Amino acid sequence: MTIGTLGIAHIQPIVSLLAGILILIVPQLLNYIVAIFLIISGILGLGLIH
């Protein structure tokens, strides 16, 4: 892996970490964060975004 290169495999853990931190800070965002994460994961999993 070269520095500065982010692929799908690197984006999902980063998004998960940020979502977890946001949920700890603002628990009311839990439903929205989970829904957005699931939608993005589904889109990436289906390969609709390259």
C-alpha atoms as a PDB file:
ATOM      1  CA  MET A   1       0.000   0.000   0.000  1.00  0.00           C
ATOM      2  CA  THR A   2       1.309   3.409  -0.856  1.00  0.00           C
ATOM      3  CA  ILE A   3       0.733   6.438   1.300  1.00  0.00           C
ATOM      4  CA  GLY A   4      -2.163   8.532   0.019  1.00  0.00           C
ATOM      5  CA  THR A   5      -3.961   5.686  -1.739  1.00  0.00           C
ATOM      6  CA  LEU A   6      -7.347   4.822  -0.260  1.00  0.00           C
ATOM      7  CA  GLY A   7      -9.455   2.001  -1.595  1.00  0.00           C
ATOM      8  CA  ILE A   8     -12.842   0.652  -0.595  1.00  0.00           C
ATOM      9  CA  ALA A   9     -11.119  -1.668   1.890  1.00  0.00           C
ATOM     10  CA  HIS A  10      -9.670   1.352   3.684  1.00  0.00           C
ATOM     11  CA  ILE A  11     -12.710   3.612   3.593  1.00  0.00           C
ATOM     12  CA  GLN A  12     -15.140   1.335   5.456  1.00  0.00           C
ATOM     13  CA  PRO A  13     -13.066   1.013   8.673  1.00  0.00           C
ATOM     14  CA  ILE A  14     -12.462   4.776   8.695  1.00  0.00           C
ATOM     15  CA  VAL A  15     -16.190   5.474   8.282  1.00  0.00           C
ATOM     16  CA  SER A  16     -16.966   2.935  11.028  1.00  0.00           C
ATOM     17  CA  LEU A  17     -14.534   4.597  13.409  1.00  0.00           C
ATOM     18  CA  LEU A  18     -15.929   8.066  12.737  1.00  0.00           C
ATOM     19  CA  ALA A  19     -19.508   6.789  13.108  1.00  0.00           C
ATOM     20  CA  GLY A  20     -18.652   5.190  16.446  1.00  0.00           C
ATOM     21  CA  ILE A  21     -17.110   8.398  17.741  1.00  0.00           C
ATOM     22  CA  LEU A  22     -20.135  10.434  16.589  1.00  0.00           C
ATOM     23  CA  ILE A  23     -22.513   8.006  18.309  1.00  0.00           C
ATOM     24  CA  LEU A  24     -20.573   8.361  21.557  1.00  0.00           C
ATOM     25  CA  ILE A  25     -20.669  12.161  21.334  1.00  0.00           C
ATOM     26  CA  VAL A  26     -24.268  12.531  20.062  1.00  0.00           C
ATOM     27  CA  PRO A  27     -26.290   9.363  20.786  1.00  0.00           C
ATOM     28  CA  GLN A  28     -29.400  10.854  19.120  1.00  0.00           C
ATOM     29  CA  LEU A  29     -27.667  10.431  15.736  1.00  0.00           C
ATOM     30  CA  LEU A  30     -27.520   6.633  16.093  1.00  0.00           C
ATOM     31  CA  ASN A  31     -30.437   5.857  13.755  1.00  0.00           C
ATOM     32  CA  TYR A  32     -29.206   8.204  11.036  1.00  0.00           C
ATOM     33  CA  ILE A  33     -25.582   7.066  11.234  1.00  0.00           C
ATOM     34  CA  VAL A  34     -26.531   3.376  11.081  1.00  0.00           C
ATOM     35  CA  ALA A  35     -28.928   3.960   8.178  1.00  0.00           C
ATOM     36  CA  ILE A  36     -26.388   5.961   6.161  1.00  0.00           C
ATOM     37  CA  PHE A  37     -23.640   3.416   6.884  1.00  0.00           C
ATOM     38  CA  LEU A  38     -25.829   0.528   5.752  1.00  0.00           C
ATOM     39  CA  ILE A  39     -26.860   2.321   2.562  1.00  0.00           C
ATOM     40  CA  ILE A  40     -23.256   3.190   1.702  1.00  0.00           C
ATOM     41  CA  SER A  41     -22.064  -0.338   2.517  1.00  0.00           C
ATOM     42  CA  GLY A  42     -24.778  -1.798   0.292  1.00  0.00           C
ATOM     43  CA  ILE A  43     -23.927   0.495  -2.608  1.00  0.00           C
ATOM     44  CA  LEU A  44     -20.219  -0.282  -2.311  1.00  0.00           C
ATOM     45  CA  GLY A  45     -20.920  -4.003  -1.923  1.00  0.00           C
ATOM     46  CA  LEU A  46     -22.990  -4.070  -5.089  1.00  0.00           C
ATOM     47  CA  GLY A  47     -20.233  -2.269  -6.946  1.00  0.00           C
ATOM     48  CA  LEU A  48     -22.429   0.654  -7.985  1.00  0.00           C
ATOM     49  CA  ILE A  49     -19.622   3.036  -6.982  1.00  0.00           C
ATOM     50  CA  HIS A  50     -16.093   2.170  -8.075  1.00  0.00           C
END
